[in-house]
């Protein structure tokens, strides 16, 4: 457990050093989150997972980065609300999928070629 800009959330303590262009958000189960902040925990049936990891490295992500979550609507709304950059959210209610796409102009030639490839 931790706080992110004054809000309770949870995070991993060991991140790989990568800059992904696709992130699948599907964990952890809130019963695997350890610790408490001000006696608050998500280790309860009535609580929802609320990961904040992606917010911490958002500034490194390239335009066109995709985040896909199987469910986790509350967590995806938390991310979208707290992201600084421009993200477009798609909700596929029938499939219970949520998708965020970093919707910005390319950073340069290589990023433009990557975005062009995605559009094909």
PDB file of N, CA and C in Angstrom:
ATOM      1  N   UNK A   1       0.848  -1.179   0.000  1.00  0.00           N
ATOM      2  CA  UNK A   1       0.000   0.000   0.000  1.00  0.00           C
ATOM      3  C   UNK A   1       0.890   1.237   0.000  1.00  0.00           C
ATOM      4  N   UNK A   2       0.359   2.288  -0.594  1.00  0.00           N
ATOM      5  CA  UNK A   2       1.085   3.550  -0.666  1.00  0.00           C
ATOM      6  C   UNK A   2       0.059   4.673  -0.846  1.00  0.00           C
ATOM      7  N   UNK A   3       0.542   5.869  -1.035  1.00  0.00           N
ATOM      8  CA  UNK A   3      -0.318   6.963  -1.475  1.00  0.00           C
ATOM      9  C   UNK A   3       0.257   7.519  -2.760  1.00  0.00           C
ATOM     10  N   UNK A   4      -0.610   8.020  -3.603  1.00  0.00           N
ATOM     11  CA  UNK A   4      -0.202   8.708  -4.821  1.00  0.00           C
ATOM     12  C   UNK A   4      -0.969  10.012  -4.852  1.00  0.00           C
ATOM     13  N   UNK A   5      -0.258  11.120  -4.834  1.00  0.00           N
ATOM     14  CA  UNK A   5      -0.817  12.475  -4.718  1.00  0.00           C
ATOM     15  C   UNK A   5      -1.938  12.519  -3.678  1.00  0.00           C
ATOM     16  N   UNK A   6      -1.655  11.928  -2.527  1.00  0.00           N
ATOM     17  CA  UNK A   6      -2.569  11.994  -1.402  1.00  0.00           C
ATOM     18  C   UNK A   6      -3.715  10.995  -1.436  1.00  0.00           C
ATOM     19  N   UNK A   7      -3.724  10.093  -2.409  1.00  0.00           N
ATOM     20  CA  UNK A   7      -4.808   9.105  -2.507  1.00  0.00           C
ATOM     21  C   UNK A   7      -4.249   7.712  -2.256  1.00  0.00           C
ATOM     22  N   UNK A   8      -5.018   6.889  -1.568  1.00  0.00           N
ATOM     23  CA  UNK A   8      -4.590   5.519  -1.315  1.00  0.00           C
ATOM     24  C   UNK A   8      -4.520   4.739  -2.624  1.00  0.00           C
ATOM     25  N   UNK A   9      -3.492   3.955  -2.760  1.00  0.00           N
ATOM     26  CA  UNK A   9      -3.307   3.119  -3.934  1.00  0.00           C
ATOM     27  C   UNK A   9      -2.337   2.006  -3.555  1.00  0.00           C
ATOM     28  N   UNK A  10      -2.030   1.173  -4.514  1.00  0.00           N
ATOM     29  CA  UNK A  10      -0.988   0.182  -4.277  1.00  0.00           C
ATOM     30  C   UNK A  10      -0.019   0.214  -5.446  1.00  0.00           C
ATOM     31  N   UNK A  11       1.170  -0.311  -5.195  1.00  0.00           N
ATOM     32  CA  UNK A  11       2.203  -0.290  -6.228  1.00  0.00           C
ATOM     33  C   UNK A  11       3.159  -1.454  -6.021  1.00  0.00           C
ATOM     34  N   UNK A  12       3.866  -1.779  -7.090  1.00  0.00           N
ATOM     35  CA  UNK A  12       4.930  -2.765  -7.015  1.00  0.00           C
ATOM     36  C   UNK A  12       6.204  -2.064  -6.573  1.00  0.00           C
ATOM     37  N   UNK A  13       7.099  -2.800  -5.977  1.00  0.00           N
ATOM     38  CA  UNK A  13       8.350  -2.198  -5.511  1.00  0.00           C
ATOM     39  C   UNK A  13       9.538  -2.575  -6.384  1.00  0.00           C
ATOM     40  N   UNK A  14       9.314  -3.408  -7.406  1.00  0.00           N
ATOM     41  CA  UNK A  14      10.410  -3.837  -8.258  1.00  0.00           C
ATOM     42  C   UNK A  14       9.944  -3.823  -9.712  1.00  0.00           C
ATOM     43  N   UNK A  15      10.363  -2.805 -10.459  1.00  0.00           N
ATOM     44  CA  UNK A  15       9.958  -2.657 -11.861  1.00  0.00           C
ATOM     45  C   UNK A  15      11.100  -3.012 -12.799  1.00  0.00           C
ATOM     46  N   UNK A  16      10.777  -3.695 -13.899  1.00  0.00           N
ATOM     47  CA  UNK A  16      11.828  -3.895 -14.902  1.00  0.00           C
ATOM     48  C   UNK A  16      12.140  -2.569 -15.592  1.00  0.00           C
ATOM     49  N   UNK A  17      13.338  -2.440 -16.103  1.00  0.00           N
ATOM     50  CA  UNK A  17      13.723  -1.226 -16.810  1.00  0.00           C
ATOM     51  C   UNK A  17      13.402  -1.434 -18.292  1.00  0.00           C
ATOM     52  N   UNK A  18      12.166  -1.103 -18.653  1.00  0.00           N
ATOM     53  CA  UNK A  18      11.682  -1.208 -20.031  1.00  0.00           C
ATOM     54  C   UNK A  18      10.771  -0.021 -20.298  1.00  0.00           C
ATOM     55  N   UNK A  19      10.575   0.271 -21.565  1.00  0.00           N
ATOM     56  CA  UNK A  19       9.614   1.295 -21.955  1.00  0.00           C
ATOM     57  C   UNK A  19       8.602   0.623 -22.886  1.00  0.00           C
ATOM     58  N   UNK A  20       7.541   0.069 -22.311  1.00  0.00           N
ATOM     59  CA  UNK A  20       6.600  -0.720 -23.108  1.00  0.00           C
ATOM     60  C   UNK A  20       5.725   0.155 -23.999  1.00  0.00           C
ATOM     61  N   UNK A  21       5.297  -0.410 -25.134  1.00  0.00           N
ATOM     62  CA  UNK A  21       4.295   0.283 -25.951  1.00  0.00           C
ATOM     63  C   UNK A  21       2.936  -0.384 -25.783  1.00  0.00           C
ATOM     64  N   UNK A  22       2.895  -1.497 -25.010  1.00  0.00           N
ATOM     65  CA  UNK A  22       1.646  -2.178 -24.682  1.00  0.00           C
ATOM     66  C   UNK A  22       1.735  -2.648 -23.238  1.00  0.00           C
ATOM     67  N   UNK A  23       0.725  -2.291 -22.444  1.00  0.00           N
ATOM     68  CA  UNK A  23       0.679  -2.676 -21.030  1.00  0.00           C
ATOM     69  C   UNK A  23      -0.645  -3.392 -20.789  1.00  0.00           C
ATOM     70  N   UNK A  24      -0.572  -4.589 -20.244  1.00  0.00           N
ATOM     71  CA  UNK A  24      -1.778  -5.333 -19.861  1.00  0.00           C
ATOM     72  C   UNK A  24      -1.903  -5.247 -18.352  1.00  0.00           C
ATOM     73  N   UNK A  25      -2.885  -4.498 -17.889  1.00  0.00           N
ATOM     74  CA  UNK A  25      -3.109  -4.284 -16.458  1.00  0.00           C
ATOM     75  C   UNK A  25      -4.081  -5.345 -15.954  1.00  0.00           C
ATOM     76  N   UNK A  26      -3.566  -6.294 -15.171  1.00  0.00           N
ATOM     77  CA  UNK A  26      -4.421  -7.377 -14.691  1.00  0.00           C
ATOM     78  C   UNK A  26      -3.952  -7.882 -13.333  1.00  0.00           C
ATOM     79  N   UNK A  27      -3.363  -7.064 -12.553  1.00  0.00           N
ATOM     80  CA  UNK A  27      -2.924  -7.541 -11.247  1.00  0.00           C
ATOM     81  C   UNK A  27      -2.357  -6.397 -10.440  1.00  0.00           C
ATOM     82  N   UNK A  28      -2.149  -6.601  -9.200  1.00  0.00           N
ATOM     83  CA  UNK A  28      -2.383  -7.836  -8.480  1.00  0.00           C
ATOM     84  C   UNK A  28      -3.806  -7.919  -7.967  1.00  0.00           C
ATOM     85  N   UNK A  29      -4.198  -9.102  -7.570  1.00  0.00           N
ATOM     86  CA  UNK A  29      -5.443  -9.291  -6.835  1.00  0.00           C
ATOM     87  C   UNK A  29      -5.318  -8.494  -5.541  1.00  0.00           C
ATOM     88  N   UNK A  30      -6.368  -7.807  -5.133  1.00  0.00           N
ATOM     89  CA  UNK A  30      -6.249  -6.948  -3.955  1.00  0.00           C
ATOM     90  C   UNK A  30      -5.892  -7.722  -2.682  1.00  0.00           C
ATOM     91  N   UNK A  31      -6.090  -9.047  -2.659  1.00  0.00           N
ATOM     92  CA  UNK A  31      -5.716  -9.823  -1.478  1.00  0.00           C
ATOM     93  C   UNK A  31      -4.216 -10.115  -1.418  1.00  0.00           C
ATOM     94  N   UNK A  32      -3.481  -9.790  -2.487  1.00  0.00           N
ATOM     95  CA  UNK A  32      -2.030  -9.934  -2.482  1.00  0.00           C
ATOM     96  C   UNK A  32      -1.325  -8.626  -2.138  1.00  0.00           C
ATOM     97  N   UNK A  33      -2.062  -7.558  -2.010  1.00  0.00           N
ATOM     98  CA  UNK A  33      -1.475  -6.264  -1.642  1.00  0.00           C
ATOM     99  C   UNK A  33      -1.162  -6.283  -0.150  1.00  0.00           C
ATOM    100  N   UNK A  34       0.075  -5.942   0.182  1.00  0.00           N
ATOM    101  CA  UNK A  34       0.495  -5.990   1.581  1.00  0.00           C
ATOM    102  C   UNK A  34       0.618  -4.594   2.160  1.00  0.00           C
ATOM    103  N   UNK A  35       0.588  -4.529   3.463  1.00  0.00           N
ATOM    104  CA  UNK A  35       0.787  -3.279   4.173  1.00  0.00           C
ATOM    105  C   UNK A  35      -0.491  -2.460   4.307  1.00  0.00           C
ATOM    106  N   UNK A  36      -0.361  -1.414   5.095  1.00  0.00           N
ATOM    107  CA  UNK A  36      -1.459  -0.482   5.321  1.00  0.00           C
ATOM    108  C   UNK A  36      -0.897   0.932   5.305  1.00  0.00           C
ATOM    109  N   UNK A  37      -1.727   1.873   4.938  1.00  0.00           N
ATOM    110  CA  UNK A  37      -1.384   3.286   5.025  1.00  0.00           C
ATOM    111  C   UNK A  37      -2.459   3.919   5.887  1.00  0.00           C
ATOM    112  N   UNK A  38      -2.048   4.491   7.010  1.00  0.00           N
ATOM    113  CA  UNK A  38      -2.996   5.090   7.956  1.00  0.00           C
ATOM    114  C   UNK A  38      -4.121   4.101   8.286  1.00  0.00           C
ATOM    115  N   UNK A  39      -3.743   2.840   8.498  1.00  0.00           N
ATOM    116  CA  UNK A  39      -4.654   1.735   8.824  1.00  0.00           C
ATOM    117  C   UNK A  39      -5.591   1.359   7.683  1.00  0.00           C
ATOM    118  N   UNK A  40      -5.350   1.902   6.479  1.00  0.00           N
ATOM    119  CA  UNK A  40      -6.185   1.601   5.319  1.00  0.00           C
ATOM    120  C   UNK A  40      -5.531   0.503   4.496  1.00  0.00           C
ATOM    121  N   UNK A  41      -6.345  -0.439   4.010  1.00  0.00           N
ATOM    122  CA  UNK A  41      -5.875  -1.507   3.154  1.00  0.00           C
ATOM    123  C   UNK A  41      -6.953  -1.861   2.133  1.00  0.00           C
ATOM    124  N   UNK A  42      -6.544  -2.466   1.030  1.00  0.00           N
ATOM    125  CA  UNK A  42      -7.514  -2.960   0.045  1.00  0.00           C
ATOM    126  C   UNK A  42      -7.712  -4.465   0.209  1.00  0.00           C
ATOM    127  N   UNK A  43      -7.132  -5.033   1.231  1.00  0.00           N
ATOM    128  CA  UNK A  43      -7.221  -6.461   1.477  1.00  0.00           C
ATOM    129  C   UNK A  43      -8.573  -6.798   2.112  1.00  0.00           C
ATOM    130  N   UNK A  44      -9.645  -6.603   1.307  1.00  0.00           N
ATOM    131  CA  UNK A  44     -11.010  -6.781   1.786  1.00  0.00           C
ATOM    132  C   UNK A  44     -11.909  -7.026   0.577  1.00  0.00           C
ATOM    133  N   UNK A  45     -12.949  -7.819   0.738  1.00  0.00           N
ATOM    134  CA  UNK A  45     -13.853  -8.113  -0.382  1.00  0.00           C
ATOM    135  C   UNK A  45     -14.533  -6.875  -0.956  1.00  0.00           C
ATOM    136  N   UNK A  46     -14.731  -5.845  -0.148  1.00  0.00           N
ATOM    137  CA  UNK A  46     -15.459  -4.662  -0.621  1.00  0.00           C
ATOM    138  C   UNK A  46     -14.571  -3.659  -1.355  1.00  0.00           C
ATOM    139  N   UNK A  47     -13.254  -3.920  -1.389  1.00  0.00           N
ATOM    140  CA  UNK A  47     -12.330  -2.975  -2.004  1.00  0.00           C
ATOM    141  C   UNK A  47     -11.951  -3.419  -3.416  1.00  0.00           C
ATOM    142  N   UNK A  48     -11.531  -2.457  -4.220  1.00  0.00           N
ATOM    143  CA  UNK A  48     -11.081  -2.718  -5.588  1.00  0.00           C
ATOM    144  C   UNK A  48      -9.590  -2.437  -5.702  1.00  0.00           C
ATOM    145  N   UNK A  49      -8.900  -3.173  -6.568  1.00  0.00           N
ATOM    146  CA  UNK A  49      -7.486  -2.874  -6.794  1.00  0.00           C
ATOM    147  C   UNK A  49      -7.332  -1.462  -7.379  1.00  0.00           C
ATOM    148  N   UNK A  50      -6.260  -0.771  -6.992  1.00  0.00           N
ATOM    149  CA  UNK A  50      -6.049   0.606  -7.454  1.00  0.00           C
ATOM    150  C   UNK A  50      -4.561   0.859  -7.628  1.00  0.00           C
ATOM    151  N   UNK A  51      -3.984   0.249  -8.663  1.00  0.00           N
ATOM    152  CA  UNK A  51      -2.558   0.393  -8.913  1.00  0.00           C
ATOM    153  C   UNK A  51      -2.202   1.764  -9.463  1.00  0.00           C
ATOM    154  N   UNK A  52      -1.067   2.294  -9.003  1.00  0.00           N
ATOM    155  CA  UNK A  52      -0.630   3.627  -9.451  1.00  0.00           C
ATOM    156  C   UNK A  52       0.714   3.592 -10.176  1.00  0.00           C
ATOM    157  N   UNK A  53       1.235   2.403 -10.435  1.00  0.00           N
ATOM    158  CA  UNK A  53       2.572   2.283 -11.019  1.00  0.00           C
ATOM    159  C   UNK A  53       2.722   3.040 -12.334  1.00  0.00           C
ATOM    160  N   UNK A  54       1.757   2.894 -13.224  1.00  0.00           N
ATOM    161  CA  UNK A  54       1.870   3.502 -14.557  1.00  0.00           C
ATOM    162  C   UNK A  54       1.929   5.032 -14.457  1.00  0.00           C
ATOM    163  N   UNK A  55       1.269   5.582 -13.465  1.00  0.00           N
ATOM    164  CA  UNK A  55       1.317   7.036 -13.272  1.00  0.00           C
ATOM    165  C   UNK A  55       2.739   7.513 -12.991  1.00  0.00           C
ATOM    166  N   UNK A  56       3.519   6.684 -12.337  1.00  0.00           N
ATOM    167  CA  UNK A  56       4.875   7.079 -11.953  1.00  0.00           C
ATOM    168  C   UNK A  56       5.831   7.154 -13.138  1.00  0.00           C
ATOM    169  N   UNK A  57       5.568   6.342 -14.191  1.00  0.00           N
ATOM    170  CA  UNK A  57       6.474   6.385 -15.346  1.00  0.00           C
ATOM    171  C   UNK A  57       5.783   6.856 -16.622  1.00  0.00           C
ATOM    172  N   UNK A  58       4.625   7.499 -16.486  1.00  0.00           N
ATOM    173  CA  UNK A  58       3.891   8.008 -17.647  1.00  0.00           C
ATOM    174  C   UNK A  58       4.751   8.907 -18.522  1.00  0.00           C
ATOM    175  N   UNK A  59       5.592   9.737 -17.915  1.00  0.00           N
ATOM    176  CA  UNK A  59       6.381  10.695 -18.681  1.00  0.00           C
ATOM    177  C   UNK A  59       7.368  10.030 -19.637  1.00  0.00           C
ATOM    178  N   UNK A  60       7.654   8.749 -19.485  1.00  0.00           N
ATOM    179  CA  UNK A  60       8.575   8.038 -20.375  1.00  0.00           C
ATOM    180  C   UNK A  60       7.858   7.333 -21.529  1.00  0.00           C
ATOM    181  N   UNK A  61       6.563   7.179 -21.447  1.00  0.00           N
ATOM    182  CA  UNK A  61       5.836   6.414 -22.461  1.00  0.00           C
ATOM    183  C   UNK A  61       5.744   7.178 -23.773  1.00  0.00           C
ATOM    184  N   UNK A  62       5.809   6.438 -24.863  1.00  0.00           N
ATOM    185  CA  UNK A  62       5.756   7.038 -26.196  1.00  0.00           C
ATOM    186  C   UNK A  62       4.311   7.227 -26.658  1.00  0.00           C
ATOM    187  N   UNK A  63       4.066   8.257 -27.454  1.00  0.00           N
ATOM    188  CA  UNK A  63       2.740   8.389 -28.063  1.00  0.00           C
ATOM    189  C   UNK A  63       2.372   7.083 -28.775  1.00  0.00           C
ATOM    190  N   UNK A  64       1.119   6.683 -28.612  1.00  0.00           N
ATOM    191  CA  UNK A  64       0.647   5.437 -29.187  1.00  0.00           C
ATOM    192  C   UNK A  64       0.655   4.287 -28.201  1.00  0.00           C
ATOM    193  N   UNK A  65       1.233   4.478 -27.008  1.00  0.00           N
ATOM    194  CA  UNK A  65       1.231   3.420 -26.001  1.00  0.00           C
ATOM    195  C   UNK A  65      -0.206   3.029 -25.682  1.00  0.00           C
ATOM    196  N   UNK A  66      -0.427   1.724 -25.544  1.00  0.00           N
ATOM    197  CA  UNK A  66      -1.758   1.181 -25.277  1.00  0.00           C
ATOM    198  C   UNK A  66      -1.744   0.502 -23.912  1.00  0.00           C
ATOM    199  N   UNK A  67      -2.768   0.777 -23.115  1.00  0.00           N
ATOM    200  CA  UNK A  67      -2.977   0.079 -21.843  1.00  0.00           C
ATOM    201  C   UNK A  67      -4.308  -0.656 -21.961  1.00  0.00           C
ATOM    202  N   UNK A  68      -4.280  -1.962 -21.740  1.00  0.00           N
ATOM    203  CA  UNK A  68      -5.481  -2.791 -21.801  1.00  0.00           C
ATOM    204  C   UNK A  68      -5.722  -3.379 -20.428  1.00  0.00           C
ATOM    205  N   UNK A  69      -6.947  -3.280 -19.948  1.00  0.00           N
ATOM    206  CA  UNK A  69      -7.307  -3.871 -18.654  1.00  0.00           C
ATOM    207  C   UNK A  69      -8.527  -4.758 -18.830  1.00  0.00           C
ATOM    208  N   UNK A  70      -8.424  -5.948 -18.278  1.00  0.00           N
ATOM    209  CA  UNK A  70      -9.535  -6.880 -18.251  1.00  0.00           C
ATOM    210  C   UNK A  70     -10.370  -6.532 -17.025  1.00  0.00           C
ATOM    211  N   UNK A  71     -11.415  -5.735 -17.238  1.00  0.00           N
ATOM    212  CA  UNK A  71     -12.166  -5.197 -16.106  1.00  0.00           C
ATOM    213  C   UNK A  71     -11.415  -4.009 -15.538  1.00  0.00           C
ATOM    214  N   UNK A  72     -11.283  -3.979 -14.230  1.00  0.00           N
ATOM    215  CA  UNK A  72     -10.544  -2.929 -13.524  1.00  0.00           C
ATOM    216  C   UNK A  72     -10.966  -1.522 -13.930  1.00  0.00           C
ATOM    217  N   UNK A  73     -12.252  -1.340 -14.121  1.00  0.00           N
ATOM    218  CA  UNK A  73     -12.764  -0.035 -14.553  1.00  0.00           C
ATOM    219  C   UNK A  73     -12.411   1.080 -13.588  1.00  0.00           C
ATOM    220  N   UNK A  74     -12.529   0.823 -12.292  1.00  0.00           N
ATOM    221  CA  UNK A  74     -12.216   1.864 -11.307  1.00  0.00           C
ATOM    222  C   UNK A  74     -10.740   2.246 -11.389  1.00  0.00           C
ATOM    223  N   UNK A  75      -9.859   1.262 -11.541  1.00  0.00           N
ATOM    224  CA  UNK A  75      -8.433   1.550 -11.641  1.00  0.00           C
ATOM    225  C   UNK A  75      -8.127   2.333 -12.912  1.00  0.00           C
ATOM    226  N   UNK A  76      -8.770   1.955 -14.020  1.00  0.00           N
ATOM    227  CA  UNK A  76      -8.535   2.681 -15.274  1.00  0.00           C
ATOM    228  C   UNK A  76      -9.045   4.123 -15.181  1.00  0.00           C
ATOM    229  N   UNK A  77     -10.154   4.337 -14.513  1.00  0.00           N
ATOM    230  CA  UNK A  77     -10.645   5.715 -14.319  1.00  0.00           C
ATOM    231  C   UNK A  77      -9.680   6.500 -13.438  1.00  0.00           C
ATOM    232  N   UNK A  78      -9.131   5.845 -12.414  1.00  0.00           N
ATOM    233  CA  UNK A  78      -8.145   6.495 -11.547  1.00  0.00           C
ATOM    234  C   UNK A  78      -6.930   6.920 -12.363  1.00  0.00           C
ATOM    235  N   UNK A  79      -6.450   6.023 -13.230  1.00  0.00           N
ATOM    236  CA  UNK A  79      -5.315   6.367 -14.083  1.00  0.00           C
ATOM    237  C   UNK A  79      -5.656   7.535 -14.994  1.00  0.00           C
ATOM    238  N   UNK A  80      -6.781   7.433 -15.701  1.00  0.00           N
ATOM    239  CA  UNK A  80      -7.154   8.482 -16.654  1.00  0.00           C
ATOM    240  C   UNK A  80      -7.306   9.831 -15.958  1.00  0.00           C
ATOM    241  N   UNK A  81      -7.861   9.841 -14.783  1.00  0.00           N
ATOM    242  CA  UNK A  81      -8.061  11.088 -14.036  1.00  0.00           C
ATOM    243  C   UNK A  81      -6.735  11.706 -13.598  1.00  0.00           C
ATOM    244  N   UNK A  82      -5.749  10.857 -13.319  1.00  0.00           N
ATOM    245  CA  UNK A  82      -4.492  11.364 -12.775  1.00  0.00           C
ATOM    246  C   UNK A  82      -3.354  11.457 -13.786  1.00  0.00           C
ATOM    247  N   UNK A  83      -3.548  10.934 -14.976  1.00  0.00           N
ATOM    248  CA  UNK A  83      -2.531  11.117 -16.006  1.00  0.00           C
ATOM    249  C   UNK A  83      -2.392  12.598 -16.326  1.00  0.00           C
ATOM    250  N   UNK A  84      -1.203  13.006 -16.709  1.00  0.00           N
ATOM    251  CA  UNK A  84      -0.944  14.392 -17.075  1.00  0.00           C
ATOM    252  C   UNK A  84      -1.082  14.577 -18.590  1.00  0.00           C
ATOM    253  N   UNK A  85      -0.716  13.539 -19.330  1.00  0.00           N
ATOM    254  CA  UNK A  85      -0.741  13.625 -20.788  1.00  0.00           C
ATOM    255  C   UNK A  85      -2.121  13.266 -21.323  1.00  0.00           C
ATOM    256  N   UNK A  86      -2.309  13.365 -22.640  1.00  0.00           N
ATOM    257  CA  UNK A  86      -3.627  13.166 -23.253  1.00  0.00           C
ATOM    258  C   UNK A  86      -3.833  11.687 -23.606  1.00  0.00           C
ATOM    259  N   UNK A  87      -4.751  11.073 -22.906  1.00  0.00           N
ATOM    260  CA  UNK A  87      -5.098   9.667 -23.122  1.00  0.00           C
ATOM    261  C   UNK A  87      -6.546   9.573 -23.585  1.00  0.00           C
ATOM    262  N   UNK A  88      -6.779   8.691 -24.534  1.00  0.00           N
ATOM    263  CA  UNK A  88      -8.140   8.418 -25.018  1.00  0.00           C
ATOM    264  C   UNK A  88      -8.571   7.086 -24.420  1.00  0.00           C
ATOM    265  N   UNK A  89      -9.788   7.039 -23.866  1.00  0.00           N
ATOM    266  CA  UNK A  89     -10.277   5.816 -23.225  1.00  0.00           C
ATOM    267  C   UNK A  89     -11.394   5.200 -24.048  1.00  0.00           C
ATOM    268  N   UNK A  90     -11.294   3.898 -24.231  1.00  0.00           N
ATOM    269  CA  UNK A  90     -12.339   3.124 -24.889  1.00  0.00           C
ATOM    270  C   UNK A  90     -12.843   2.096 -23.892  1.00  0.00           C
ATOM    271  N   UNK A  91     -14.157   1.953 -23.809  1.00  0.00           N
ATOM    272  CA  UNK A  91     -14.750   0.961 -22.913  1.00  0.00           C
ATOM    273  C   UNK A  91     -15.570  -0.011 -23.753  1.00  0.00           C
ATOM    274  N   UNK A  92     -15.254  -1.275 -23.633  1.00  0.00           N
ATOM    275  CA  UNK A  92     -16.009  -2.321 -24.319  1.00  0.00           C
ATOM    276  C   UNK A  92     -16.823  -3.048 -23.250  1.00  0.00           C
ATOM    277  N   UNK A  93     -18.010  -2.507 -22.993  1.00  0.00           N
ATOM    278  CA  UNK A  93     -18.824  -2.997 -21.881  1.00  0.00           C
ATOM    279  C   UNK A  93     -19.177  -4.472 -22.012  1.00  0.00           C
ATOM    280  N   UNK A  94     -19.505  -4.932 -23.220  1.00  0.00           N
ATOM    281  CA  UNK A  94     -19.907  -6.321 -23.411  1.00  0.00           C
ATOM    282  C   UNK A  94     -18.777  -7.298 -23.100  1.00  0.00           C
ATOM    283  N   UNK A  95     -17.540  -6.858 -23.274  1.00  0.00           N
ATOM    284  CA  UNK A  95     -16.378  -7.709 -23.011  1.00  0.00           C
ATOM    285  C   UNK A  95     -15.720  -7.396 -21.672  1.00  0.00           C
ATOM    286  N   UNK A  96     -16.170  -6.343 -20.995  1.00  0.00           N
ATOM    287  CA  UNK A  96     -15.573  -5.858 -19.758  1.00  0.00           C
ATOM    288  C   UNK A  96     -14.090  -5.538 -19.949  1.00  0.00           C
ATOM    289  N   UNK A  97     -13.788  -4.871 -21.059  1.00  0.00           N
ATOM    290  CA  UNK A  97     -12.424  -4.436 -21.341  1.00  0.00           C
ATOM    291  C   UNK A  97     -12.358  -2.918 -21.337  1.00  0.00           C
ATOM    292  N   UNK A  98     -11.253  -2.391 -20.857  1.00  0.00           N
ATOM    293  CA  UNK A  98     -10.984  -0.957 -20.864  1.00  0.00           C
ATOM    294  C   UNK A  98      -9.640  -0.734 -21.535  1.00  0.00           C
ATOM    295  N   UNK A  99      -9.589   0.250 -22.429  1.00  0.00           N
ATOM    296  CA  UNK A  99      -8.378   0.524 -23.188  1.00  0.00           C
ATOM    297  C   UNK A  99      -8.054   2.011 -23.092  1.00  0.00           C
ATOM    298  N   UNK A 100      -6.820   2.315 -22.780  1.00  0.00           N
ATOM    299  CA  UNK A 100      -6.313   3.689 -22.808  1.00  0.00           C
ATOM    300  C   UNK A 100      -5.233   3.766 -23.871  1.00  0.00           C
ATOM    301  N   UNK A 101      -5.285   4.819 -24.690  1.00  0.00           N
ATOM    302  CA  UNK A 101      -4.297   5.031 -25.743  1.00  0.00           C
ATOM    303  C   UNK A 101      -3.698   6.414 -25.568  1.00  0.00           C
ATOM    304  N   UNK A 102      -2.381   6.486 -25.518  1.00  0.00           N
ATOM    305  CA  UNK A 102      -1.688   7.774 -25.391  1.00  0.00           C
ATOM    306  C   UNK A 102      -1.783   8.485 -26.734  1.00  0.00           C
ATOM    307  N   UNK A 103      -2.656   9.471 -26.793  1.00  0.00           N
ATOM    308  CA  UNK A 103      -3.063  10.131 -28.032  1.00  0.00           C
ATOM    309  C   UNK A 103      -2.343  11.467 -28.177  1.00  0.00           C
ATOM    310  N   UNK A 104      -1.107  11.407 -28.650  1.00  0.00           N
ATOM    311  CA  UNK A 104      -0.296  12.612 -28.833  1.00  0.00           C
ATOM    312  C   UNK A 104       0.417  12.548 -30.186  1.00  0.00           C
ATOM    313  N   UNK A 105       0.916  13.694 -30.598  1.00  0.00           N
ATOM    314  CA  UNK A 105       1.712  13.769 -31.814  1.00  0.00           C
ATOM    315  C   UNK A 105       2.998  12.960 -31.620  1.00  0.00           C
ATOM    316  N   UNK A 106       3.544  12.376 -32.690  1.00  0.00           N
ATOM    317  CA  UNK A 106       4.794  11.617 -32.568  1.00  0.00           C
ATOM    318  C   UNK A 106       5.935  12.489 -32.056  1.00  0.00           C
ATOM    319  N   UNK A 107       6.870  11.842 -31.373  1.00  0.00           N
ATOM    320  CA  UNK A 107       8.026  12.555 -30.837  1.00  0.00           C
ATOM    321  C   UNK A 107       9.095  12.808 -31.899  1.00  0.00           C
ATOM    322  N   UNK A 108       9.081  11.995 -32.931  1.00  0.00           N
ATOM    323  CA  UNK A 108      10.079  12.113 -33.988  1.00  0.00           C
ATOM    324  C   UNK A 108       9.818  11.081 -35.065  1.00  0.00           C
ATOM    325  N   UNK A 109      10.791  10.904 -35.954  1.00  0.00           N
ATOM    326  CA  UNK A 109      10.633  10.023 -37.105  1.00  0.00           C
ATOM    327  C   UNK A 109      10.349   8.582 -36.704  1.00  0.00           C
ATOM    328  N   UNK A 110      11.118   8.022 -35.758  1.00  0.00           N
ATOM    329  CA  UNK A 110      10.933   6.621 -35.368  1.00  0.00           C
ATOM    330  C   UNK A 110       9.568   6.408 -34.735  1.00  0.00           C
ATOM    331  N   UNK A 111       9.149   7.301 -33.889  1.00  0.00           N
ATOM    332  CA  UNK A 111       7.835   7.180 -33.256  1.00  0.00           C
ATOM    333  C   UNK A 111       6.719   7.344 -34.285  1.00  0.00           C
ATOM    334  N   UNK A 112       6.920   8.219 -35.277  1.00  0.00           N
ATOM    335  CA  UNK A 112       5.929   8.383 -36.346  1.00  0.00           C
ATOM    336  C   UNK A 112       5.800   7.091 -37.151  1.00  0.00           C
ATOM    337  N   UNK A 113       6.932   6.461 -37.466  1.00  0.00           N
ATOM    338  CA  UNK A 113       6.883   5.200 -38.210  1.00  0.00           C
ATOM    339  C   UNK A 113       6.170   4.126 -37.385  1.00  0.00           C
ATOM    340  N   UNK A 114       6.382   4.128 -36.097  1.00  0.00           N
ATOM    341  CA  UNK A 114       5.693   3.174 -35.228  1.00  0.00           C
ATOM    342  C   UNK A 114       4.182   3.415 -35.255  1.00  0.00           C
ATOM    343  N   UNK A 115       3.764   4.660 -35.153  1.00  0.00           N
ATOM    344  CA  UNK A 115       2.347   4.997 -35.176  1.00  0.00           C
ATOM    345  C   UNK A 115       1.734   4.668 -36.543  1.00  0.00           C
ATOM    346  N   UNK A 116       2.469   4.924 -37.625  1.00  0.00           N
ATOM    347  CA  UNK A 116       1.994   4.568 -38.959  1.00  0.00           C
ATOM    348  C   UNK A 116       1.803   3.059 -39.075  1.00  0.00           C
ATOM    349  N   UNK A 117       2.705   2.295 -38.503  1.00  0.00           N
ATOM    350  CA  UNK A 117       2.591   0.842 -38.520  1.00  0.00           C
ATOM    351  C   UNK A 117       1.325   0.390 -37.788  1.00  0.00           C
ATOM    352  N   UNK A 118       1.029   1.014 -36.644  1.00  0.00           N
ATOM    353  CA  UNK A 118      -0.175   0.671 -35.884  1.00  0.00           C
ATOM    354  C   UNK A 118      -1.437   0.943 -36.675  1.00  0.00           C
ATOM    355  N   UNK A 119      -1.419   1.992 -37.502  1.00  0.00           N
ATOM    356  CA  UNK A 119      -2.601   2.380 -38.267  1.00  0.00           C
ATOM    357  C   UNK A 119      -2.906   1.445 -39.433  1.00  0.00           C
ATOM    358  N   UNK A 120      -1.949   0.592 -39.813  1.00  0.00           N
ATOM    359  CA  UNK A 120      -2.154  -0.310 -40.951  1.00  0.00           C
ATOM    360  C   UNK A 120      -3.074  -1.443 -40.594  1.00  0.00           C
TER     361      UNK A 120
END
